[in-house]
Amino acid sequence: MAKKIVKKSVSKIEKDDTANLKEIGERLKYYRKKAGYTSSEYFAYENGISRPQYGKYEAGANIQLNTLMKILKAMGVTLEEFFKGFN
């Protein structure tokens, strides 16, 4: 019976992680547009980021912290501002 509880807990964590990554992606999209970039590809190109990979970040793919900080710097956004009110 303990295995079922652990399995459910892991599943819940994975769902939470997916939801958090989706929210990060939505915030990236919001701040990109706020910075004046209507195109995610143009933003990525202008800032030396892989265009396909940046598109994946906005869609909710896993992102490393140093990559997130590079992107936010290009947008003129601090980590504190980006994560303000984050669930």
PDB file of N, CA and C in Angstrom:
ATOM      1  N   MET A   1       0.820  -1.186   0.000  1.00  0.00           N
ATOM      2  CA  MET A   1       0.000   0.000   0.000  1.00  0.00           C
ATOM      3  C   MET A   1       0.870   1.258   0.000  1.00  0.00           C
ATOM      4  N   ALA A   2       2.010   1.233   0.645  1.00  0.00           N
ATOM      5  CA  ALA A   2       2.886   2.401   0.686  1.00  0.00           C
ATOM      6  C   ALA A   2       3.361   2.795  -0.707  1.00  0.00           C
ATOM      7  N   LYS A   3       3.533   1.817  -1.590  1.00  0.00           N
ATOM      8  CA  LYS A   3       3.978   2.113  -2.950  1.00  0.00           C
ATOM      9  C   LYS A   3       2.967   2.983  -3.679  1.00  0.00           C
ATOM     10  N   LYS A   4       1.684   2.735  -3.473  1.00  0.00           N
ATOM     11  CA  LYS A   4       0.646   3.524  -4.131  1.00  0.00           C
ATOM     12  C   LYS A   4       0.689   4.974  -3.659  1.00  0.00           C
ATOM     13  N   ILE A   5       0.888   5.183  -2.389  1.00  0.00           N
ATOM     14  CA  ILE A   5       0.962   6.537  -1.842  1.00  0.00           C
ATOM     15  C   ILE A   5       2.155   7.275  -2.437  1.00  0.00           C
ATOM     16  N   VAL A   6       3.311   6.628  -2.469  1.00  0.00           N
ATOM     17  CA  VAL A   6       4.509   7.242  -3.043  1.00  0.00           C
ATOM     18  C   VAL A   6       4.279   7.543  -4.519  1.00  0.00           C
ATOM     19  N   LYS A   7       3.693   6.602  -5.232  1.00  0.00           N
ATOM     20  CA  LYS A   7       3.447   6.791  -6.656  1.00  0.00           C
ATOM     21  C   LYS A   7       2.516   7.974  -6.892  1.00  0.00           C
ATOM     22  N   LYS A   8       1.476   8.115  -6.098  1.00  0.00           N
ATOM     23  CA  LYS A   8       0.562   9.243  -6.225  1.00  0.00           C
ATOM     24  C   LYS A   8       1.266  10.550  -5.899  1.00  0.00           C
ATOM     25  N   SER A   9       2.113  10.546  -4.894  1.00  0.00           N
ATOM     26  CA  SER A   9       2.842  11.755  -4.518  1.00  0.00           C
ATOM     27  C   SER A   9       3.767  12.201  -5.639  1.00  0.00           C
ATOM     28  N   VAL A  10       4.474  11.272  -6.249  1.00  0.00           N
ATOM     29  CA  VAL A  10       5.373  11.603  -7.352  1.00  0.00           C
ATOM     30  C   VAL A  10       4.568  12.158  -8.512  1.00  0.00           C
ATOM     31  N   SER A  11       3.445  11.553  -8.806  1.00  0.00           N
ATOM     32  CA  SER A  11       2.590  12.018  -9.888  1.00  0.00           C
ATOM     33  C   SER A  11       2.122  13.450  -9.619  1.00  0.00           C
ATOM     34  N   LYS A  12       1.738  13.744  -8.399  1.00  0.00           N
ATOM     35  CA  LYS A  12       1.302  15.090  -8.007  1.00  0.00           C
ATOM     36  C   LYS A  12       2.437  16.082  -8.172  1.00  0.00           C
ATOM     37  N   ILE A  13       3.638  15.706  -7.775  1.00  0.00           N
ATOM     38  CA  ILE A  13       4.807  16.580  -7.916  1.00  0.00           C
ATOM     39  C   ILE A  13       5.070  16.859  -9.385  1.00  0.00           C
ATOM     40  N   GLU A  14       5.001  15.832 -10.227  1.00  0.00           N
ATOM     41  CA  GLU A  14       5.234  16.012 -11.656  1.00  0.00           C
ATOM     42  C   GLU A  14       4.202  16.948 -12.262  1.00  0.00           C
ATOM     43  N   LYS A  15       2.945  16.845 -11.852  1.00  0.00           N
ATOM     44  CA  LYS A  15       1.900  17.750 -12.340  1.00  0.00           C
ATOM     45  C   LYS A  15       2.172  19.175 -11.889  1.00  0.00           C
ATOM     46  N   ASP A  16       2.604  19.343 -10.634  1.00  0.00           N
ATOM     47  CA  ASP A  16       2.937  20.674 -10.126  1.00  0.00           C
ATOM     48  C   ASP A  16       4.109  21.261 -10.897  1.00  0.00           C
ATOM     49  N   ASP A  17       5.132  20.450 -11.177  1.00  0.00           N
ATOM     50  CA  ASP A  17       6.293  20.918 -11.934  1.00  0.00           C
ATOM     51  C   ASP A  17       5.884  21.363 -13.330  1.00  0.00           C
ATOM     52  N   THR A  18       5.042  20.589 -13.970  1.00  0.00           N
ATOM     53  CA  THR A  18       4.566  20.926 -15.311  1.00  0.00           C
ATOM     54  C   THR A  18       3.798  22.243 -15.280  1.00  0.00           C
ATOM     55  N   ALA A  19       2.941  22.405 -14.293  1.00  0.00           N
ATOM     56  CA  ALA A  19       2.165  23.643 -14.162  1.00  0.00           C
ATOM     57  C   ALA A  19       3.083  24.828 -13.919  1.00  0.00           C
ATOM     58  N   ASN A  20       4.099  24.649 -13.095  1.00  0.00           N
ATOM     59  CA  ASN A  20       5.049  25.731 -12.819  1.00  0.00           C
ATOM     60  C   ASN A  20       5.825  26.113 -14.068  1.00  0.00           C
ATOM     61  N   LEU A  21       6.267  25.127 -14.843  1.00  0.00           N
ATOM     62  CA  LEU A  21       6.999  25.420 -16.078  1.00  0.00           C
ATOM     63  C   LEU A  21       6.099  26.133 -17.088  1.00  0.00           C
ATOM     64  N   LYS A  22       4.830  25.744 -17.140  1.00  0.00           N
ATOM     65  CA  LYS A  22       3.882  26.430 -18.028  1.00  0.00           C
ATOM     66  C   LYS A  22       3.735  27.890 -17.611  1.00  0.00           C
ATOM     67  N   GLU A  23       3.653  28.132 -16.301  1.00  0.00           N
ATOM     68  CA  GLU A  23       3.533  29.504 -15.809  1.00  0.00           C
ATOM     69  C   GLU A  23       4.787  30.312 -16.120  1.00  0.00           C
ATOM     70  N   ILE A  24       5.951  29.703 -15.986  1.00  0.00           N
ATOM     71  CA  ILE A  24       7.196  30.385 -16.344  1.00  0.00           C
ATOM     72  C   ILE A  24       7.173  30.747 -17.829  1.00  0.00           C
ATOM     73  N   GLY A  25       6.730  29.819 -18.663  1.00  0.00           N
ATOM     74  CA  GLY A  25       6.626  30.082 -20.092  1.00  0.00           C
ATOM     75  C   GLY A  25       5.696  31.243 -20.399  1.00  0.00           C
ATOM     76  N   GLU A  26       4.561  31.278 -19.718  1.00  0.00           N
ATOM     77  CA  GLU A  26       3.610  32.378 -19.921  1.00  0.00           C
ATOM     78  C   GLU A  26       4.203  33.705 -19.480  1.00  0.00           C
ATOM     79  N   ARG A  27       4.949  33.680 -18.391  1.00  0.00           N
ATOM     80  CA  ARG A  27       5.594  34.914 -17.921  1.00  0.00           C
ATOM     81  C   ARG A  27       6.680  35.373 -18.894  1.00  0.00           C
ATOM     82  N   LEU A  28       7.429  34.424 -19.448  1.00  0.00           N
ATOM     83  CA  LEU A  28       8.434  34.790 -20.453  1.00  0.00           C
ATOM     84  C   LEU A  28       7.772  35.477 -21.639  1.00  0.00           C
ATOM     85  N   LYS A  29       6.683  34.909 -22.081  1.00  0.00           N
ATOM     86  CA  LYS A  29       5.946  35.476 -23.213  1.00  0.00           C
ATOM     87  C   LYS A  29       5.451  36.882 -22.868  1.00  0.00           C
ATOM     88  N   TYR A  30       4.889  37.049 -21.687  1.00  0.00           N
ATOM     89  CA  TYR A  30       4.386  38.351 -21.240  1.00  0.00           C
ATOM     90  C   TYR A  30       5.501  39.396 -21.235  1.00  0.00           C
ATOM     91  N   TYR A  31       6.631  39.068 -20.606  1.00  0.00           N
ATOM     92  CA  TYR A  31       7.718  40.039 -20.494  1.00  0.00           C
ATOM     93  C   TYR A  31       8.407  40.285 -21.837  1.00  0.00           C
ATOM     94  N   ARG A  32       8.434  39.283 -22.706  1.00  0.00           N
ATOM     95  CA  ARG A  32       8.980  39.489 -24.050  1.00  0.00           C
ATOM     96  C   ARG A  32       8.145  40.532 -24.781  1.00  0.00           C
ATOM     97  N   LYS A  33       6.842  40.373 -24.729  1.00  0.00           N
ATOM     98  CA  LYS A  33       5.952  41.323 -25.390  1.00  0.00           C
ATOM     99  C   LYS A  33       6.045  42.705 -24.739  1.00  0.00           C
ATOM    100  N   LYS A  34       6.168  42.725 -23.419  1.00  0.00           N
ATOM    101  CA  LYS A  34       6.298  43.985 -22.694  1.00  0.00           C
ATOM    102  C   LYS A  34       7.585  44.709 -23.110  1.00  0.00           C
ATOM    103  N   ALA A  35       8.620  43.931 -23.453  1.00  0.00           N
ATOM    104  CA  ALA A  35       9.895  44.505 -23.902  1.00  0.00           C
ATOM    105  C   ALA A  35       9.825  44.972 -25.356  1.00  0.00           C
ATOM    106  N   GLY A  36       8.683  44.744 -26.014  1.00  0.00           N
ATOM    107  CA  GLY A  36       8.497  45.239 -27.364  1.00  0.00           C
ATOM    108  C   GLY A  36       8.746  44.240 -28.475  1.00  0.00           C
ATOM    109  N   TYR A  37       8.924  42.988 -28.124  1.00  0.00           N
ATOM    110  CA  TYR A  37       9.154  41.939 -29.126  1.00  0.00           C
ATOM    111  C   TYR A  37       7.859  41.181 -29.374  1.00  0.00           C
ATOM    112  N   THR A  38       7.295  41.331 -30.564  1.00  0.00           N
ATOM    113  CA  THR A  38       6.080  40.593 -30.887  1.00  0.00           C
ATOM    114  C   THR A  38       6.391  39.167 -31.315  1.00  0.00           C
ATOM    115  N   SER A  39       7.610  38.936 -31.774  1.00  0.00           N
ATOM    116  CA  SER A  39       8.018  37.620 -32.266  1.00  0.00           C
ATOM    117  C   SER A  39       9.018  36.978 -31.315  1.00  0.00           C
ATOM    118  N   SER A  40       8.722  35.765 -30.893  1.00  0.00           N
ATOM    119  CA  SER A  40       9.668  35.049 -30.025  1.00  0.00           C
ATOM    120  C   SER A  40      10.942  34.719 -30.792  1.00  0.00           C
ATOM    121  N   GLU A  41      10.814  34.436 -32.077  1.00  0.00           N
ATOM    122  CA  GLU A  41      11.995  34.125 -32.893  1.00  0.00           C
ATOM    123  C   GLU A  41      12.912  35.336 -33.019  1.00  0.00           C
ATOM    124  N   TYR A  42      12.346  36.499 -33.238  1.00  0.00           N
ATOM    125  CA  TYR A  42      13.155  37.712 -33.364  1.00  0.00           C
ATOM    126  C   TYR A  42      13.841  38.033 -32.034  1.00  0.00           C
ATOM    127  N   PHE A  43      13.109  37.893 -30.926  1.00  0.00           N
ATOM    128  CA  PHE A  43      13.714  38.121 -29.612  1.00  0.00           C
ATOM    129  C   PHE A  43      14.906  37.198 -29.401  1.00  0.00           C
ATOM    130  N   ALA A  44      14.711  35.912 -29.686  1.00  0.00           N
ATOM    131  CA  ALA A  44      15.785  34.935 -29.496  1.00  0.00           C
ATOM    132  C   ALA A  44      16.979  35.272 -30.383  1.00  0.00           C
ATOM    133  N   TYR A  45      16.727  35.555 -31.632  1.00  0.00           N
ATOM    134  CA  TYR A  45      17.797  35.881 -32.576  1.00  0.00           C
ATOM    135  C   TYR A  45      18.571  37.110 -32.105  1.00  0.00           C
ATOM    136  N   GLU A  46      17.868  38.156 -31.726  1.00  0.00           N
ATOM    137  CA  GLU A  46      18.495  39.409 -31.295  1.00  0.00           C
ATOM    138  C   GLU A  46      19.347  39.240 -30.037  1.00  0.00           C
ATOM    139  N   ASN A  47      19.038  38.230 -29.231  1.00  0.00           N
ATOM    140  CA  ASN A  47      19.717  38.066 -27.945  1.00  0.00           C
ATOM    141  C   ASN A  47      20.584  36.819 -27.875  1.00  0.00           C
ATOM    142  N   GLY A  48      20.896  36.228 -29.013  1.00  0.00           N
ATOM    143  CA  GLY A  48      21.826  35.101 -29.054  1.00  0.00           C
ATOM    144  C   GLY A  48      21.319  33.839 -28.390  1.00  0.00           C
ATOM    145  N   ILE A  49      20.026  33.600 -28.497  1.00  0.00           N
ATOM    146  CA  ILE A  49      19.413  32.417 -27.906  1.00  0.00           C
ATOM    147  C   ILE A  49      18.885  31.560 -29.055  1.00  0.00           C
ATOM    148  N   SER A  50      19.014  30.263 -28.926  1.00  0.00           N
ATOM    149  CA  SER A  50      18.478  29.361 -29.947  1.00  0.00           C
ATOM    150  C   SER A  50      16.982  29.640 -30.131  1.00  0.00           C
ATOM    151  N   ARG A  51      16.592  29.952 -31.350  1.00  0.00           N
ATOM    152  CA  ARG A  51      15.178  30.270 -31.615  1.00  0.00           C
ATOM    153  C   ARG A  51      14.250  29.099 -31.298  1.00  0.00           C
ATOM    154  N   PRO A  52      14.564  27.889 -31.768  1.00  0.00           N
ATOM    155  CA  PRO A  52      13.660  26.773 -31.416  1.00  0.00           C
ATOM    156  C   PRO A  52      13.600  26.513 -29.908  1.00  0.00           C
ATOM    157  N   GLN A  53      14.748  26.632 -29.244  1.00  0.00           N
ATOM    158  CA  GLN A  53      14.763  26.361 -27.802  1.00  0.00           C
ATOM    159  C   GLN A  53      13.989  27.426 -27.037  1.00  0.00           C
ATOM    160  N   TYR A  54      14.141  28.683 -27.437  1.00  0.00           N
ATOM    161  CA  TYR A  54      13.394  29.734 -26.744  1.00  0.00           C
ATOM    162  C   TYR A  54      11.888  29.499 -26.889  1.00  0.00           C
ATOM    163  N   GLY A  55      11.464  29.102 -28.072  1.00  0.00           N
ATOM    164  CA  GLY A  55      10.048  28.786 -28.275  1.00  0.00           C
ATOM    165  C   GLY A  55       9.579  27.691 -27.335  1.00  0.00           C
ATOM    166  N   LYS A  56      10.439  26.722 -27.089  1.00  0.00           N
ATOM    167  CA  LYS A  56      10.097  25.643 -26.153  1.00  0.00           C
ATOM    168  C   LYS A  56       9.970  26.177 -24.729  1.00  0.00           C
ATOM    169  N   TYR A  57      10.838  27.132 -24.363  1.00  0.00           N
ATOM    170  CA  TYR A  57      10.738  27.715 -23.016  1.00  0.00           C
ATOM    171  C   TYR A  57       9.395  28.393 -22.821  1.00  0.00           C
ATOM    172  N   GLU A  58       8.960  29.145 -23.816  1.00  0.00           N
ATOM    173  CA  GLU A  58       7.664  29.814 -23.708  1.00  0.00           C
ATOM    174  C   GLU A  58       6.519  28.806 -23.673  1.00  0.00           C
ATOM    175  N   ALA A  59       6.737  27.636 -24.235  1.00  0.00           N
ATOM    176  CA  ALA A  59       5.709  26.587 -24.227  1.00  0.00           C
ATOM    177  C   ALA A  59       5.727  25.768 -22.938  1.00  0.00           C
ATOM    178  N   GLY A  60       6.716  26.010 -22.071  1.00  0.00           N
ATOM    179  CA  GLY A  60       6.753  25.319 -20.785  1.00  0.00           C
ATOM    180  C   GLY A  60       7.821  24.261 -20.640  1.00  0.00           C
ATOM    181  N   ALA A  61       8.850  24.282 -21.508  1.00  0.00           N
ATOM    182  CA  ALA A  61       9.952  23.320 -21.375  1.00  0.00           C
ATOM    183  C   ALA A  61      10.826  23.692 -20.181  1.00  0.00           C
ATOM    184  N   ASN A  62      11.524  22.717 -19.659  1.00  0.00           N
ATOM    185  CA  ASN A  62      12.436  22.928 -18.547  1.00  0.00           C
ATOM    186  C   ASN A  62      13.511  23.919 -18.946  1.00  0.00           C
ATOM    187  N   ILE A  63      13.885  24.802 -18.037  1.00  0.00           N
ATOM    188  CA  ILE A  63      14.872  25.835 -18.315  1.00  0.00           C
ATOM    189  C   ILE A  63      15.855  25.908 -17.158  1.00  0.00           C
ATOM    190  N   GLN A  64      17.132  26.062 -17.482  1.00  0.00           N
ATOM    191  CA  GLN A  64      18.148  26.198 -16.445  1.00  0.00           C
ATOM    192  C   GLN A  64      18.116  27.627 -15.903  1.00  0.00           C
ATOM    193  N   LEU A  65      18.480  27.777 -14.645  1.00  0.00           N
ATOM    194  CA  LEU A  65      18.438  29.086 -14.005  1.00  0.00           C
ATOM    195  C   LEU A  65      19.340  30.095 -14.711  1.00  0.00           C
ATOM    196  N   ASN A  66      20.544  29.686 -15.113  1.00  0.00           N
ATOM    197  CA  ASN A  66      21.436  30.639 -15.777  1.00  0.00           C
ATOM    198  C   ASN A  66      20.863  31.091 -17.120  1.00  0.00           C
ATOM    199  N   THR A  67      20.154  30.221 -17.804  1.00  0.00           N
ATOM    200  CA  THR A  67      19.500  30.592 -19.061  1.00  0.00           C
ATOM    201  C   THR A  67      18.357  31.559 -18.787  1.00  0.00           C
ATOM    202  N   LEU A  68      17.570  31.283 -17.763  1.00  0.00           N
ATOM    203  CA  LEU A  68      16.478  32.177 -17.394  1.00  0.00           C
ATOM    204  C   LEU A  68      17.027  33.563 -17.052  1.00  0.00           C
ATOM    205  N   MET A  69      18.123  33.618 -16.302  1.00  0.00           N
ATOM    206  CA  MET A  69      18.700  34.907 -15.933  1.00  0.00           C
ATOM    207  C   MET A  69      19.199  35.669 -17.162  1.00  0.00           C
ATOM    208  N   LYS A  70      19.780  34.971 -18.137  1.00  0.00           N
ATOM    209  CA  LYS A  70      20.233  35.598 -19.383  1.00  0.00           C
ATOM    210  C   LYS A  70      19.043  36.198 -20.133  1.00  0.00           C
ATOM    211  N   ILE A  71      17.972  35.452 -20.217  1.00  0.00           N
ATOM    212  CA  ILE A  71      16.768  35.917 -20.914  1.00  0.00           C
ATOM    213  C   ILE A  71      16.178  37.127 -20.203  1.00  0.00           C
ATOM    214  N   LEU A  72      16.060  37.041 -18.903  1.00  0.00           N
ATOM    215  CA  LEU A  72      15.482  38.149 -18.144  1.00  0.00           C
ATOM    216  C   LEU A  72      16.337  39.402 -18.248  1.00  0.00           C
ATOM    217  N   LYS A  73      17.644  39.238 -18.258  1.00  0.00           N
ATOM    218  CA  LYS A  73      18.535  40.389 -18.419  1.00  0.00           C
ATOM    219  C   LYS A  73      18.267  41.070 -19.762  1.00  0.00           C
ATOM    220  N   ALA A  74      18.092  40.282 -20.810  1.00  0.00           N
ATOM    221  CA  ALA A  74      17.802  40.831 -22.135  1.00  0.00           C
ATOM    222  C   ALA A  74      16.457  41.557 -22.149  1.00  0.00           C
ATOM    223  N   MET A  75      15.545  41.142 -21.288  1.00  0.00           N
ATOM    224  CA  MET A  75      14.226  41.772 -21.209  1.00  0.00           C
ATOM    225  C   MET A  75      14.211  42.954 -20.254  1.00  0.00           C
ATOM    226  N   GLY A  76      15.275  43.102 -19.472  1.00  0.00           N
ATOM    227  CA  GLY A  76      15.320  44.159 -18.468  1.00  0.00           C
ATOM    228  C   GLY A  76      14.447  43.870 -17.265  1.00  0.00           C
ATOM    229  N   VAL A  77      14.363  42.586 -16.904  1.00  0.00           N
ATOM    230  CA  VAL A  77      13.505  42.142 -15.801  1.00  0.00           C
ATOM    231  C   VAL A  77      14.368  41.456 -14.752  1.00  0.00           C
ATOM    232  N   THR A  78      14.138  41.769 -13.491  1.00  0.00           N
ATOM    233  CA  THR A  78      14.865  41.107 -12.410  1.00  0.00           C
ATOM    234  C   THR A  78      14.182  39.792 -12.057  1.00  0.00           C
ATOM    235  N   LEU A  79      14.938  38.911 -11.401  1.00  0.00           N
ATOM    236  CA  LEU A  79      14.346  37.658 -10.922  1.00  0.00           C
ATOM    237  C   LEU A  79      13.202  37.941  -9.950  1.00  0.00           C
ATOM    238  N   GLU A  80      13.400  38.934  -9.096  1.00  0.00           N
ATOM    239  CA  GLU A  80      12.363  39.280  -8.120  1.00  0.00           C
ATOM    240  C   GLU A  80      11.074  39.706  -8.820  1.00  0.00           C
ATOM    241  N   GLU A  81      11.213  40.559  -9.844  1.00  0.00           N
ATOM    242  CA  GLU A  81      10.043  41.011 -10.587  1.00  0.00           C
ATOM    243  C   GLU A  81       9.377  39.829 -11.291  1.00  0.00           C
ATOM    244  N   PHE A  82      10.197  38.985 -11.918  1.00  0.00           N
ATOM    245  CA  PHE A  82       9.674  37.861 -12.684  1.00  0.00           C
ATOM    246  C   PHE A  82       8.884  36.896 -11.811  1.00  0.00           C
ATOM    247  N   PHE A  83       9.373  36.621 -10.603  1.00  0.00           N
ATOM    248  CA  PHE A  83       8.732  35.636  -9.736  1.00  0.00           C
ATOM    249  C   PHE A  83       7.759  36.247  -8.734  1.00  0.00           C
ATOM    250  N   LYS A  84       7.535  37.548  -8.809  1.00  0.00           N
ATOM    251  CA  LYS A  84       6.604  38.186  -7.876  1.00  0.00           C
ATOM    252  C   LYS A  84       5.209  37.574  -8.044  1.00  0.00           C
ATOM    253  N   GLY A  85       4.654  37.079  -6.955  1.00  0.00           N
ATOM    254  CA  GLY A  85       3.337  36.470  -6.971  1.00  0.00           C
ATOM    255  C   GLY A  85       3.279  35.074  -7.550  1.00  0.00           C
ATOM    256  N   PHE A  86       4.441  34.491  -7.805  1.00  0.00           N
ATOM    257  CA  PHE A  86       4.485  33.134  -8.365  1.00  0.00           C
ATOM    258  C   PHE A  86       3.920  32.156  -7.361  1.00  0.00           C
ATOM    259  N   ASN A  87       3.145  31.204  -7.847  1.00  0.00           N
ATOM    260  CA  ASN A  87       2.526  30.202  -6.968  1.00  0.00           C
ATOM    261  C   ASN A  87       3.537  29.351  -6.301  1.00  0.00           C
TER     262      ASN A  87
END
